């Protein structure tokens, strides 16, 4: 009974950890997308100006 109880606790910890990792990954992806967009716009306009 004790071993089962510990196993349940461990599973709960893993679920919390996985959920936290998913949230973290979403936040990192969202931040990276914004950063890339901010970096991409000046580069795009810079190339456009160079073409002229």
PDB file of N, CA and C in Angstrom:
ATOM      1  N   UNK A   1       0.849  -1.205   0.000  1.00  0.00           N
ATOM      2  CA  UNK A   1       0.000   0.000   0.000  1.00  0.00           C
ATOM      3  C   UNK A   1       0.882   1.251   0.000  1.00  0.00           C
ATOM      4  N   UNK A   2       1.961   1.225   0.802  1.00  0.00           N
ATOM      5  CA  UNK A   2       2.862   2.380   0.887  1.00  0.00           C
ATOM      6  C   UNK A   2       3.537   2.613  -0.475  1.00  0.00           C
ATOM      7  N   UNK A   3       3.988   1.527  -1.115  1.00  0.00           N
ATOM      8  CA  UNK A   3       4.672   1.654  -2.402  1.00  0.00           C
ATOM      9  C   UNK A   3       3.723   2.238  -3.454  1.00  0.00           C
ATOM     10  N   UNK A   4       2.463   1.805  -3.444  1.00  0.00           N
ATOM     11  CA  UNK A   4       1.474   2.343  -4.381  1.00  0.00           C
ATOM     12  C   UNK A   4       1.250   3.827  -4.135  1.00  0.00           C
ATOM     13  N   UNK A   5       1.197   4.198  -2.863  1.00  0.00           N
ATOM     14  CA  UNK A   5       0.982   5.602  -2.503  1.00  0.00           C
ATOM     15  C   UNK A   5       2.136   6.460  -3.013  1.00  0.00           C
ATOM     16  N   UNK A   6       3.359   5.981  -2.815  1.00  0.00           N
ATOM     17  CA  UNK A   6       4.532   6.708  -3.297  1.00  0.00           C
ATOM     18  C   UNK A   6       4.514   6.823  -4.818  1.00  0.00           C
ATOM     19  N   UNK A   7       4.093   5.757  -5.471  1.00  0.00           N
ATOM     20  CA  UNK A   7       4.035   5.747  -6.931  1.00  0.00           C
ATOM     21  C   UNK A   7       3.031   6.799  -7.426  1.00  0.00           C
ATOM     22  N   UNK A   8       1.887   6.884  -6.751  1.00  0.00           N
ATOM     23  CA  UNK A   8       0.869   7.883  -7.113  1.00  0.00           C
ATOM     24  C   UNK A   8       1.428   9.290  -6.951  1.00  0.00           C
ATOM     25  N   UNK A   9       2.126   9.523  -5.847  1.00  0.00           N
ATOM     26  CA  UNK A   9       2.716  10.842  -5.617  1.00  0.00           C
ATOM     27  C   UNK A   9       3.723  11.174  -6.708  1.00  0.00           C
ATOM     28  N   UNK A  10       4.506  10.180  -7.069  1.00  0.00           N
ATOM     29  CA  UNK A  10       5.523  10.385  -8.106  1.00  0.00           C
ATOM     30  C   UNK A  10       4.849  10.732  -9.437  1.00  0.00           C
ATOM     31  N   UNK A  11       3.776  10.043  -9.774  1.00  0.00           N
ATOM     32  CA  UNK A  11       3.048  10.311 -11.020  1.00  0.00           C
ATOM     33  C   UNK A  11       2.504  11.733 -11.027  1.00  0.00           C
ATOM     34  N   UNK A  12       1.984  12.164  -9.885  1.00  0.00           N
ATOM     35  CA  UNK A  12       1.440  13.522  -9.779  1.00  0.00           C
ATOM     36  C   UNK A  12       2.549  14.544  -9.998  1.00  0.00           C
ATOM     37  N   UNK A  13       3.710  14.295  -9.401  1.00  0.00           N
ATOM     38  CA  UNK A  13       4.855  15.199  -9.571  1.00  0.00           C
ATOM     39  C   UNK A  13       5.263  15.265 -11.040  1.00  0.00           C
ATOM     40  N   UNK A  14       5.258  14.124 -11.702  1.00  0.00           N
ATOM     41  CA  UNK A  14       5.634  14.061 -13.118  1.00  0.00           C
ATOM     42  C   UNK A  14       4.635  14.848 -13.955  1.00  0.00           C
ATOM     43  N   UNK A  15       3.335  14.711 -13.650  1.00  0.00           N
ATOM     44  CA  UNK A  15       2.297  15.452 -14.377  1.00  0.00           C
ATOM     45  C   UNK A  15       2.504  16.950 -14.226  1.00  0.00           C
ATOM     46  N   UNK A  16       2.761  17.389 -12.991  1.00  0.00           N
ATOM     47  CA  UNK A  16       2.986  18.814 -12.723  1.00  0.00           C
ATOM     48  C   UNK A  16       4.212  19.285 -13.492  1.00  0.00           C
ATOM     49  N   UNK A  17       5.259  18.475 -13.472  1.00  0.00           N
ATOM     50  CA  UNK A  17       6.515  18.803 -14.159  1.00  0.00           C
ATOM     51  C   UNK A  17       6.285  18.919 -15.668  1.00  0.00           C
ATOM     52  N   UNK A  18       5.537  17.962 -16.241  1.00  0.00           N
ATOM     53  CA  UNK A  18       5.247  17.973 -17.679  1.00  0.00           C
ATOM     54  C   UNK A  18       4.427  19.192 -18.062  1.00  0.00           C
ATOM     55  N   UNK A  19       3.426  19.525 -17.248  1.00  0.00           N
ATOM     56  CA  UNK A  19       2.585  20.695 -17.511  1.00  0.00           C
ATOM     57  C   UNK A  19       3.431  21.954 -17.472  1.00  0.00           C
ATOM     58  N   UNK A  20       4.320  22.050 -16.477  1.00  0.00           N
ATOM     59  CA  UNK A  20       5.203  23.213 -16.338  1.00  0.00           C
ATOM     60  C   UNK A  20       6.115  23.326 -17.561  1.00  0.00           C
ATOM     61  N   UNK A  21       6.654  22.179 -18.011  1.00  0.00           N
ATOM     62  CA  UNK A  21       7.539  22.178 -19.182  1.00  0.00           C
ATOM     63  C   UNK A  21       6.801  22.633 -20.432  1.00  0.00           C
ATOM     64  N   UNK A  22       5.542  22.202 -20.585  1.00  0.00           N
ATOM     65  CA  UNK A  22       4.741  22.602 -21.747  1.00  0.00           C
ATOM     66  C   UNK A  22       4.504  24.100 -21.732  1.00  0.00           C
ATOM     67  N   UNK A  23       4.176  24.649 -20.554  1.00  0.00           N
ATOM     68  CA  UNK A  23       3.954  26.091 -20.433  1.00  0.00           C
ATOM     69  C   UNK A  23       5.236  26.851 -20.749  1.00  0.00           C
ATOM     70  N   UNK A  24       6.349  26.328 -20.239  1.00  0.00           N
ATOM     71  CA  UNK A  24       7.651  26.960 -20.463  1.00  0.00           C
ATOM     72  C   UNK A  24       7.992  26.938 -21.949  1.00  0.00           C
ATOM     73  N   UNK A  25       7.767  25.795 -22.591  1.00  0.00           N
ATOM     74  CA  UNK A  25       8.048  25.649 -24.024  1.00  0.00           C
ATOM     75  C   UNK A  25       7.199  26.622 -24.835  1.00  0.00           C
ATOM     76  N   UNK A  26       5.917  26.739 -24.489  1.00  0.00           N
ATOM     77  CA  UNK A  26       5.027  27.667 -25.195  1.00  0.00           C
ATOM     78  C   UNK A  26       5.529  29.092 -25.048  1.00  0.00           C
ATOM     79  N   UNK A  27       5.944  29.439 -23.842  1.00  0.00           N
ATOM     80  CA  UNK A  27       6.424  30.798 -23.578  1.00  0.00           C
ATOM     81  C   UNK A  27       7.701  31.074 -24.372  1.00  0.00           C
ATOM     82  N   UNK A  28       8.617  30.092 -24.398  1.00  0.00           N
ATOM     83  CA  UNK A  28       9.886  30.249 -25.123  1.00  0.00           C
ATOM     84  C   UNK A  28       9.621  30.397 -26.618  1.00  0.00           C
ATOM     85  N   UNK A  29       8.718  29.562 -27.155  1.00  0.00           N
ATOM     86  CA  UNK A  29       8.393  29.615 -28.586  1.00  0.00           C
ATOM     87  C   UNK A  29       7.773  30.958 -28.932  1.00  0.00           C
ATOM     88  N   UNK A  30       6.859  31.425 -28.070  1.00  0.00           N
ATOM     89  CA  UNK A  30       6.195  32.703 -28.317  1.00  0.00           C
ATOM     90  C   UNK A  30       7.210  33.847 -28.286  1.00  0.00           C
ATOM     91  N   UNK A  31       8.097  33.821 -27.289  1.00  0.00           N
ATOM     92  CA  UNK A  31       9.127  34.861 -27.158  1.00  0.00           C
ATOM     93  C   UNK A  31      10.066  34.824 -28.357  1.00  0.00           C
ATOM     94  N   UNK A  32      10.482  33.621 -28.753  1.00  0.00           N
ATOM     95  CA  UNK A  32      11.398  33.461 -29.887  1.00  0.00           C
ATOM     96  C   UNK A  32      10.760  33.993 -31.164  1.00  0.00           C
ATOM     97  N   UNK A  33       9.457  33.728 -31.327  1.00  0.00           N
ATOM     98  CA  UNK A  33       8.747  34.186 -32.518  1.00  0.00           C
ATOM     99  C   UNK A  33       8.731  35.708 -32.585  1.00  0.00           C
ATOM    100  N   UNK A  34       8.465  36.343 -31.436  1.00  0.00           N
ATOM    101  CA  UNK A  34       8.437  37.812 -31.372  1.00  0.00           C
ATOM    102  C   UNK A  34       9.825  38.376 -31.671  1.00  0.00           C
ATOM    103  N   UNK A  35      10.847  37.766 -31.064  1.00  0.00           N
ATOM    104  CA  UNK A  35      12.228  38.232 -31.275  1.00  0.00           C
ATOM    105  C   UNK A  35      12.614  38.102 -32.747  1.00  0.00           C
ATOM    106  N   UNK A  36      12.277  36.956 -33.352  1.00  0.00           N
ATOM    107  CA  UNK A  36      12.593  36.737 -34.767  1.00  0.00           C
ATOM    108  C   UNK A  36      11.873  37.753 -35.643  1.00  0.00           C
ATOM    109  N   UNK A  37      10.617  38.029 -35.302  1.00  0.00           N
ATOM    110  CA  UNK A  37       9.833  39.003 -36.067  1.00  0.00           C
ATOM    111  C   UNK A  37      10.472  40.381 -35.975  1.00  0.00           C
ATOM    112  N   UNK A  38      10.845  40.768 -34.753  1.00  0.00           N
ATOM    113  CA  UNK A  38      11.460  42.085 -34.522  1.00  0.00           C
ATOM    114  C   UNK A  38      12.796  42.190 -35.263  1.00  0.00           C
ATOM    115  N   UNK A  39      13.558  41.087 -35.282  1.00  0.00           N
ATOM    116  CA  UNK A  39      14.840  41.082 -35.995  1.00  0.00           C
ATOM    117  C   UNK A  39      14.633  41.020 -37.504  1.00  0.00           C
ATOM    118  N   UNK A  40      13.590  40.308 -37.923  1.00  0.00           N
ATOM    119  CA  UNK A  40      13.358  40.071 -39.348  1.00  0.00           C
ATOM    120  C   UNK A  40      12.908  41.340 -40.068  1.00  0.00           C
ATOM    121  N   UNK A  41      12.076  42.144 -39.419  1.00  0.00           N
ATOM    122  CA  UNK A  41      11.526  43.345 -40.063  1.00  0.00           C
ATOM    123  C   UNK A  41      12.630  44.316 -40.494  1.00  0.00           C
ATOM    124  N   UNK A  42      13.571  44.709 -39.625  1.00  0.00           N
ATOM    125  CA  UNK A  42      14.642  45.621 -40.052  1.00  0.00           C
ATOM    126  C   UNK A  42      15.514  45.006 -41.151  1.00  0.00           C
ATOM    127  N   UNK A  43      15.787  43.701 -41.053  1.00  0.00           N
ATOM    128  CA  UNK A  43      16.602  43.022 -42.067  1.00  0.00           C
ATOM    129  C   UNK A  43      15.875  43.057 -43.408  1.00  0.00           C
ATOM    130  N   UNK A  44      14.572  42.783 -43.370  1.00  0.00           N
ATOM    131  CA  UNK A  44      13.762  42.775 -44.591  1.00  0.00           C
ATOM    132  C   UNK A  44      13.753  44.159 -45.234  1.00  0.00           C
ATOM    133  N   UNK A  45      13.515  45.191 -44.420  1.00  0.00           N
ATOM    134  CA  UNK A  45      13.498  46.560 -44.941  1.00  0.00           C
ATOM    135  C   UNK A  45      14.894  46.976 -45.410  1.00  0.00           C
ATOM    136  N   UNK A  46      15.915  46.524 -44.686  1.00  0.00           N
ATOM    137  CA  UNK A  46      17.293  46.827 -45.063  1.00  0.00           C
ATOM    138  C   UNK A  46      17.626  46.261 -46.432  1.00  0.00           C
ATOM    139  N   UNK A  47      17.217  45.007 -46.682  1.00  0.00           N
ATOM    140  CA  UNK A  47      17.450  44.383 -47.986  1.00  0.00           C
ATOM    141  C   UNK A  47      16.661  45.105 -49.065  1.00  0.00           C
ATOM    142  N   UNK A  48      15.445  45.521 -48.723  1.00  0.00           N
ATOM    143  CA  UNK A  48      14.595  46.237 -49.673  1.00  0.00           C
ATOM    144  C   UNK A  48      15.261  47.551 -50.086  1.00  0.00           C
ATOM    145  N   UNK A  49      15.849  48.237 -49.108  1.00  0.00           N
ATOM    146  CA  UNK A  49      16.543  49.507 -49.376  1.00  0.00           C
ATOM    147  C   UNK A  49      17.786  49.255 -50.227  1.00  0.00           C
ATOM    148  N   UNK A  50      18.515  48.160 -49.929  1.00  0.00           N
ATOM    149  CA  UNK A  50      19.735  47.834 -50.680  1.00  0.00           C
ATOM    150  C   UNK A  50      19.418  47.518 -52.146  1.00  0.00           C
ATOM    151  N   UNK A  51      18.264  46.895 -52.385  1.00  0.00           N
ATOM    152  CA  UNK A  51      17.875  46.545 -53.760  1.00  0.00           C
ATOM    153  C   UNK A  51      17.674  47.806 -54.596  1.00  0.00           C
ATOM    154  N   UNK A  52      17.174  48.855 -53.994  1.00  0.00           N
ATOM    155  CA  UNK A  52      16.990  50.120 -54.699  1.00  0.00           C
ATOM    156  C   UNK A  52      18.360  50.743 -54.934  1.00  0.00           C
TER     157      UNK A  52
END
